[in-house]
Amino acid sequence: MKKEEKIKVGISIGDLNGIGAEIILKTFEDPRMMEFCTPVIFASVKTMSFFKKHFNSSINFHGINNLSQVIEGKINVMNSWKENVSIEFGVEDQNIGAYAVKSLEQATEALKKDLIDVLVTAPINKHNVQSESFNFPGHTNYLAEALGGNSLMFMVTDQLKVGLLTDHVPIKDASEQITSELIEDKINTVYKSLKADFKISKPKIAVLGINPHAGDNGVIGNEDDTILRPTLQNIKNSGKLVYGPYSADSFFGSNNYKNFDAVIASYHDQGLIPFKTIAFGEGVNFTAGLSKVRTSPDHGTAYEIAGKGKADESSFKEAVFMAIKIFKNRTEYNNLTKNPLKSASKKI
């Protein structure tokens, strides 16, 4: 019987002046990680050797120039560039941002071609990656265009899952973007992800209000009454277990979130502040709704501690495990649902 191949985890290096390389090294210094996956880091052996020396890491790399050269049981480094890179920890640098984009683009292309199975992205600096050819507010928006699908920022742990109606948009624009179509689209994306990616057969979803106290019957804005409530009722009528809108200020503190499989917040900080307060270091940023699996840690570049050996790899390690878990769940779900009539006929 043919030995089952381990899942190939592609890793984009992120901002080289941040903590990305450190948390990658620390994650794979644990030899047990190789039992679960085959890592492929998109950077260069020269660059990774610099980090290995700086952090006194025991890791050995297998350098490759083509993804056909990936070896199971090795920490593979795809040479995405050949030149030496000048690294200054903690410094925001446009040139370093260009290397982060190069790594991300090559990893994404490999994902599209099924040369890797999943993608785990180390943190980027959203400012220094901007250019004429790369004009996205973050990974989620770029991957939505590159891979197609209805992307949604889904912050997840085993116990808590928070999705967003709007993500990296100015707060003054958030309410204007929330339409009935957007609400239905995002809830459907979360619902499908909970079933296919997390094996939850009948998801229960809570939706937080747009305004304080969910508008307080129109006293504090009318968007909850005119847009959110009618849309949620239509979705309920379709058979989905969707509840709300709930007042966001007390929802997490009262532990009400524990009654649901996922929570959908109206805007970025409404969802991510409680998520990171409850689950920081354990949380994973998963891009739901894409044709491929992408995860990342729940933190940024952390310039203030970059290069000091203080970075905690817990969230990155969880991102690797979560990507593997979701890939397996989704593969199983697709196999079970792709042709139910054919499966049923076999049992007769």
Protein backbone atom coordinates (compact mmCIF):
# COMPACT_ATOMS: atom_id res chain seq x y z
CA MET A 1 0.00 0.00 0.00
CA LYS A 2 1.32 3.41 -0.95
CA LYS A 3 2.41 5.53 1.99
CA GLU A 4 0.17 8.55 2.47
CA GLU A 5 2.02 11.77 1.72
CA LYS A 6 2.16 14.38 4.44
CA ILE A 7 0.35 17.66 3.79
CA LYS A 8 2.62 20.23 2.16
CA VAL A 9 2.41 23.46 4.17
CA GLY A 10 3.56 26.46 2.15
CA ILE A 11 4.82 29.35 4.30
CA SER A 12 5.23 32.93 3.14
CA ILE A 13 8.01 34.61 5.10
CA GLY A 14 6.26 37.91 5.84
CA ASP A 15 8.17 41.03 6.88
CA LEU A 16 11.84 40.08 7.22
CA ASN A 17 12.39 42.89 9.75
CA GLY A 18 9.60 41.56 11.98
CA ILE A 19 9.18 38.37 14.01
CA GLY A 20 8.00 36.11 11.17
CA ALA A 21 11.23 34.21 10.62
CA GLU A 22 11.75 33.77 14.36
CA ILE A 23 8.34 32.18 14.95
CA ILE A 24 8.82 29.94 11.91
CA LEU A 25 12.18 28.73 13.22
CA LYS A 26 10.83 28.15 16.72
CA THR A 27 7.83 26.23 15.34
CA PHE A 28 9.93 23.79 13.35
CA GLU A 29 12.66 23.37 15.95
CA ASP A 30 10.10 21.01 17.47
CA PRO A 31 10.83 17.77 15.54
CA ARG A 32 7.31 16.52 16.16
CA MET A 33 5.99 19.06 13.65
CA MET A 34 7.49 17.01 10.84
CA GLU A 35 5.18 14.15 11.78
CA PHE A 36 2.21 16.26 10.68
CA CYS A 37 3.41 18.06 7.58
CA THR A 38 6.13 18.89 5.09
CA PRO A 39 6.99 22.61 5.34
CA VAL A 40 7.97 24.69 2.30
CA ILE A 41 9.24 28.18 3.20
CA PHE A 42 9.22 30.74 0.38
CA ALA A 43 12.33 32.88 0.98
CA SER A 44 15.94 31.88 0.28
CA VAL A 45 18.52 29.67 1.94
CA LYS A 46 20.80 32.69 2.32
CA THR A 47 18.12 34.66 4.15
CA MET A 48 17.05 31.75 6.34
CA SER A 49 20.69 30.97 7.18
CA PHE A 50 21.05 34.54 8.45
CA PHE A 51 18.10 34.01 10.77
CA LYS A 52 19.38 30.60 11.84
CA LYS A 53 22.71 32.11 12.89
CA HIS A 54 21.15 35.16 14.55
CA PHE A 55 18.74 33.11 16.66
CA ASN A 56 21.24 30.27 17.23
CA SER A 57 18.76 27.79 15.78
CA SER A 58 19.50 24.10 15.34
CA ILE A 59 17.38 23.81 12.18
CA ASN A 60 18.82 22.44 8.94
CA PHE A 61 17.33 23.58 5.66
CA HIS A 62 16.86 21.76 2.37
CA GLY A 63 17.24 24.39 -0.34
CA ILE A 64 15.25 23.95 -3.55
CA ASN A 65 14.89 25.88 -6.78
CA ASN A 66 11.82 24.01 -7.97
CA LEU A 67 8.87 22.65 -6.04
CA SER A 68 9.38 19.22 -7.61
CA GLN A 69 12.47 19.02 -5.37
CA VAL A 70 10.51 19.09 -2.09
CA ILE A 71 11.55 16.26 0.24
CA GLU A 72 9.30 14.90 2.97
CA GLY A 73 10.89 15.00 6.41
CA LYS A 74 12.96 18.08 5.51
CA ILE A 75 12.41 21.78 6.14
CA ASN A 76 12.32 22.88 2.53
CA VAL A 77 13.26 26.42 1.56
CA MET A 78 12.18 27.53 -1.90
CA ASN A 79 14.73 30.03 -3.24
CA SER A 80 12.40 32.87 -4.15
CA TRP A 81 15.37 35.22 -4.61
CA LYS A 82 19.13 34.76 -4.91
CA GLU A 83 20.62 38.03 -3.66
CA ASN A 84 21.61 38.88 -0.10
CA VAL A 85 19.02 40.93 1.76
CA SER A 86 19.95 43.62 4.27
CA ILE A 87 17.86 42.95 7.38
CA GLU A 88 17.38 45.53 10.14
CA PHE A 89 15.09 44.21 12.83
CA GLY A 90 12.27 46.52 13.84
CA VAL A 91 12.65 48.89 10.90
CA GLU A 92 9.82 49.56 8.44
CA ASP A 93 11.39 49.30 5.00
CA GLN A 94 9.74 49.50 1.56
CA ASN A 95 12.38 47.21 0.09
CA ILE A 96 11.71 44.57 2.75
CA GLY A 97 8.01 44.90 1.96
CA ALA A 98 8.77 43.98 -1.65
CA TYR A 99 10.39 40.72 -0.49
CA ALA A 100 7.31 39.93 1.60
CA VAL A 101 5.14 40.39 -1.49
CA LYS A 102 7.48 38.26 -3.62
CA SER A 103 7.25 35.43 -1.10
CA LEU A 104 3.46 35.72 -0.86
CA GLU A 105 2.93 35.81 -4.61
CA GLN A 106 5.11 32.76 -5.24
CA ALA A 107 3.45 30.81 -2.43
CA THR A 108 -0.02 31.74 -3.70
CA GLU A 109 0.87 30.66 -7.23
CA ALA A 110 2.09 27.32 -5.86
CA LEU A 111 -1.18 26.95 -3.95
CA LYS A 112 -3.22 27.64 -7.10
CA LYS A 113 -1.30 24.94 -8.94
CA ASP A 114 -1.69 22.41 -6.07
CA LEU A 115 2.10 22.26 -5.62
CA ILE A 116 1.43 22.93 -1.94
CA ASP A 117 -1.73 21.94 -0.07
CA VAL A 118 -2.23 24.88 2.29
CA LEU A 119 -0.74 28.31 2.91
CA VAL A 120 0.33 29.75 6.26
CA THR A 121 1.35 33.41 6.09
CA ALA A 122 3.74 35.10 8.49
CA PRO A 123 2.80 38.73 9.33
CA ILE A 124 3.31 41.55 6.85
CA ASN A 125 3.42 45.30 7.35
CA LYS A 126 0.36 46.55 5.47
CA HIS A 127 2.04 49.89 4.72
CA ASN A 128 5.38 48.84 3.29
CA VAL A 129 3.94 46.22 0.93
CA GLN A 130 1.99 48.81 -1.05
CA SER A 131 3.09 49.45 -4.63
CA GLU A 132 1.63 50.00 -8.09
CA SER A 133 1.41 46.24 -8.60
CA PHE A 134 0.31 45.33 -5.04
CA ASN A 135 -2.44 47.57 -3.69
CA PHE A 136 -4.32 45.58 -1.07
CA PRO A 137 -5.06 46.40 2.59
CA GLY A 138 -4.04 42.90 3.67
CA HIS A 139 -3.65 39.21 2.89
CA THR A 140 -7.41 38.55 2.82
CA ASN A 141 -8.14 40.99 0.01
CA TYR A 142 -5.16 39.87 -2.07
CA LEU A 143 -6.03 36.19 -1.74
CA ALA A 144 -9.67 36.84 -2.64
CA GLU A 145 -8.55 38.29 -5.96
CA ALA A 146 -5.80 35.74 -6.58
CA LEU A 147 -7.78 32.62 -5.64
CA GLY A 148 -11.37 33.70 -6.18
CA GLY A 149 -14.28 33.22 -3.82
CA ASN A 150 -16.14 35.18 -1.17
CA SER A 151 -13.32 35.77 1.30
CA LEU A 152 -14.03 36.41 4.96
CA MET A 153 -11.67 37.07 7.85
CA PHE A 154 -12.51 34.31 10.32
CA MET A 155 -10.65 34.38 13.64
CA VAL A 156 -10.82 30.91 15.12
CA THR A 157 -9.92 28.66 18.02
CA ASP A 158 -11.55 25.36 18.93
CA GLN A 159 -13.85 27.22 21.35
CA LEU A 160 -14.40 30.62 19.69
CA LYS A 161 -14.93 31.68 16.08
CA VAL A 162 -15.47 35.30 15.04
CA GLY A 163 -16.21 36.47 11.51
CA LEU A 164 -16.53 40.03 10.22
CA LEU A 165 -19.03 41.79 7.96
CA THR A 166 -16.39 44.45 7.21
CA ASP A 167 -12.68 44.07 7.93
CA HIS A 168 -9.91 46.50 6.96
CA VAL A 169 -12.07 49.55 6.25
CA PRO A 170 -12.18 52.91 8.08
CA ILE A 171 -14.77 52.95 10.84
CA LYS A 172 -16.55 55.90 9.20
CA ASP A 173 -17.21 53.71 6.13
CA ALA A 174 -18.18 50.48 7.87
CA SER A 175 -21.92 51.09 8.28
CA GLU A 176 -22.29 52.27 4.68
CA GLN A 177 -20.82 49.00 3.42
CA ILE A 178 -23.23 46.83 5.41
CA THR A 179 -26.05 45.97 3.03
CA SER A 180 -28.54 43.10 3.00
CA GLU A 181 -26.53 41.48 0.21
CA LEU A 182 -23.29 41.71 2.20
CA ILE A 183 -24.90 40.30 5.34
CA GLU A 184 -26.36 37.33 3.46
CA ASP A 185 -23.08 36.73 1.66
CA LYS A 186 -20.96 36.75 4.84
CA ILE A 187 -23.38 34.63 6.86
CA ASN A 188 -23.57 32.07 4.05
CA THR A 189 -19.77 31.96 3.89
CA VAL A 190 -19.50 31.37 7.64
CA TYR A 191 -22.28 28.78 7.54
CA LYS A 192 -20.62 26.81 4.74
CA SER A 193 -17.22 27.02 6.44
CA LEU A 194 -18.58 25.75 9.75
CA LYS A 195 -20.04 22.72 7.96
CA ALA A 196 -17.20 21.91 5.55
CA ASP A 197 -14.13 23.14 7.43
CA PHE A 198 -15.12 22.49 11.06
CA LYS A 199 -17.53 19.52 10.76
CA ILE A 200 -20.46 21.29 12.48
CA SER A 201 -23.63 19.81 10.99
CA LYS A 202 -26.15 22.44 12.21
CA PRO A 203 -24.27 25.67 12.89
CA LYS A 204 -25.67 28.24 15.30
CA ILE A 205 -24.55 31.77 14.43
CA ALA A 206 -24.88 34.97 16.48
CA VAL A 207 -24.74 38.40 14.80
CA LEU A 208 -23.71 41.54 16.68
CA GLY A 209 -25.48 44.85 16.15
CA ILE A 210 -24.11 47.64 14.00
CA ASN A 211 -24.77 50.41 16.52
CA PRO A 212 -24.36 50.53 20.32
CA HIS A 213 -27.14 48.50 21.98
CA ALA A 214 -28.12 47.30 18.48
CA GLY A 215 -29.59 50.74 17.86
CA ASP A 216 -31.83 50.80 20.95
CA ASN A 217 -35.02 50.76 18.83
CA GLY A 218 -33.78 53.56 16.61
CA VAL A 219 -32.56 55.86 19.37
CA ILE A 220 -28.89 55.21 18.41
CA GLY A 221 -29.10 54.80 14.65
CA ASN A 222 -31.59 52.89 12.51
CA GLU A 223 -29.34 50.50 10.55
CA ASP A 224 -30.04 47.59 12.89
CA ASP A 225 -33.80 47.94 12.41
CA THR A 226 -33.89 48.76 8.70
CA ILE A 227 -31.10 46.52 7.40
CA LEU A 228 -29.82 43.96 9.88
CA ARG A 229 -33.01 42.63 11.54
CA PRO A 230 -35.03 42.13 8.31
CA THR A 231 -32.08 40.40 6.64
CA LEU A 232 -31.52 38.07 9.58
CA GLN A 233 -35.23 37.19 9.54
CA ASN A 234 -35.03 36.27 5.85
CA ILE A 235 -32.02 34.07 6.55
CA LYS A 236 -33.83 32.39 9.46
CA ASN A 237 -36.78 31.72 7.15
CA SER A 238 -34.43 29.77 4.88
CA GLY A 239 -33.74 27.36 7.73
CA LYS A 240 -30.41 28.58 9.04
CA LEU A 241 -29.96 28.97 12.81
CA VAL A 242 -29.01 32.65 12.88
CA TYR A 243 -29.72 34.90 15.87
CA GLY A 244 -29.41 38.59 16.68
CA PRO A 245 -28.61 41.37 16.48
CA TYR A 246 -27.04 41.30 19.93
CA SER A 247 -25.67 44.26 21.81
CA ALA A 248 -21.91 43.92 21.36
CA ASP A 249 -20.82 45.54 24.64
CA SER A 250 -22.12 42.72 26.88
CA PHE A 251 -22.12 39.77 24.50
CA PHE A 252 -18.65 38.42 25.31
CA GLY A 253 -18.46 39.47 28.96
CA SER A 254 -21.68 37.59 29.68
CA ASN A 255 -20.23 34.46 28.04
CA ASN A 256 -23.16 34.40 25.63
CA TYR A 257 -20.72 33.59 22.84
CA LYS A 258 -20.36 30.09 24.30
CA ASN A 259 -23.91 29.33 23.16
CA PHE A 260 -22.98 29.65 19.50
CA ASP A 261 -20.67 28.01 16.97
CA ALA A 262 -19.65 31.37 15.52
CA VAL A 263 -20.15 35.08 16.06
CA ILE A 264 -20.32 37.64 13.26
CA ALA A 265 -19.25 41.18 14.15
CA SER A 266 -20.15 44.24 12.11
CA TYR A 267 -16.67 45.73 11.95
CA HIS A 268 -13.03 44.92 12.68
CA ASP A 269 -12.48 46.03 16.28
CA GLN A 270 -15.96 45.00 17.43
CA GLY A 271 -14.97 41.40 16.77
CA LEU A 272 -11.20 41.33 17.10
CA ILE A 273 -10.78 43.15 20.42
CA PRO A 274 -12.83 40.55 22.35
CA PHE A 275 -11.36 37.69 20.30
CA LYS A 276 -7.78 38.68 21.01
CA THR A 277 -8.59 39.42 24.66
CA ILE A 278 -10.02 35.94 25.13
CA ALA A 279 -7.74 33.93 22.84
CA PHE A 280 -4.53 35.89 22.18
CA GLY A 281 -1.65 33.55 21.38
CA GLU A 282 -4.02 30.67 20.66
CA GLY A 283 -6.08 32.28 17.91
CA VAL A 284 -5.70 31.77 14.18
CA ASN A 285 -6.71 34.03 11.31
CA PHE A 286 -8.39 31.80 8.73
CA THR A 287 -9.57 33.14 5.37
CA ALA A 288 -12.91 31.40 4.91
CA GLY A 289 -14.72 31.25 1.58
CA LEU A 290 -11.69 30.64 -0.64
CA SER A 291 -11.10 27.61 -2.85
CA LYS A 292 -7.86 26.96 -0.92
CA VAL A 293 -6.90 26.92 2.76
CA ARG A 294 -4.96 29.87 4.21
CA THR A 295 -4.25 30.62 7.86
CA SER A 296 -1.98 33.00 9.78
CA PRO A 297 -1.17 33.87 13.40
CA ASP A 298 -3.42 36.34 15.21
CA HIS A 299 -0.72 39.02 15.60
CA GLY A 300 1.39 41.40 13.53
CA THR A 301 5.07 42.03 12.82
CA ALA A 302 5.85 43.05 16.44
CA TYR A 303 8.76 45.33 15.44
CA GLU A 304 9.31 46.25 19.09
CA ILE A 305 10.62 42.75 19.92
CA ALA A 306 11.93 41.71 16.48
CA GLY A 307 15.37 40.11 16.56
CA LYS A 308 15.43 39.79 20.35
CA GLY A 309 14.45 36.14 20.57
CA LYS A 310 11.34 37.00 22.61
CA ALA A 311 8.61 36.17 20.09
CA ASP A 312 6.04 33.54 21.06
CA GLU A 313 5.44 31.02 18.29
CA SER A 314 2.23 29.59 19.80
CA SER A 315 -0.18 31.28 17.40
CA PHE A 316 1.91 30.44 14.33
CA LYS A 317 2.11 26.81 15.41
CA GLU A 318 -1.66 26.80 15.90
CA ALA A 319 -2.03 28.29 12.41
CA VAL A 320 -0.11 25.34 10.97
CA PHE A 321 -2.21 22.81 12.89
CA MET A 322 -5.44 24.60 11.96
CA ALA A 323 -4.55 24.66 8.26
CA ILE A 324 -3.89 20.91 8.32
CA LYS A 325 -7.13 20.22 10.22
CA ILE A 326 -9.26 22.35 7.89
CA PHE A 327 -7.66 20.80 4.79
CA LYS A 328 -8.49 17.29 6.04
CA ASN A 329 -12.03 18.27 7.09
CA ARG A 330 -12.73 19.98 3.77
CA THR A 331 -11.36 17.07 1.76
CA GLU A 332 -13.56 14.64 3.69
CA TYR A 333 -16.62 16.90 3.31
CA ASN A 334 -16.08 17.30 -0.44
CA ASN A 335 -15.69 13.56 -0.87
CA LEU A 336 -18.93 12.91 1.02
CA THR A 337 -20.98 15.55 -0.80
CA LYS A 338 -19.63 15.66 -4.36
CA ASN A 339 -21.91 12.89 -5.63
CA PRO A 340 -24.37 11.70 -2.94
CA LEU A 341 -26.52 9.75 -5.47
CA LYS A 342 -23.51 7.73 -6.59
CA SER A 343 -22.57 7.01 -2.96
CA ALA A 344 -26.13 5.97 -2.15
CA SER A 345 -26.31 3.60 -5.14
CA LYS A 346 -23.22 1.76 -3.91
CA LYS A 347 -24.97 0.99 -0.63
CA ILE A 348 -28.08 -0.47 -2.26
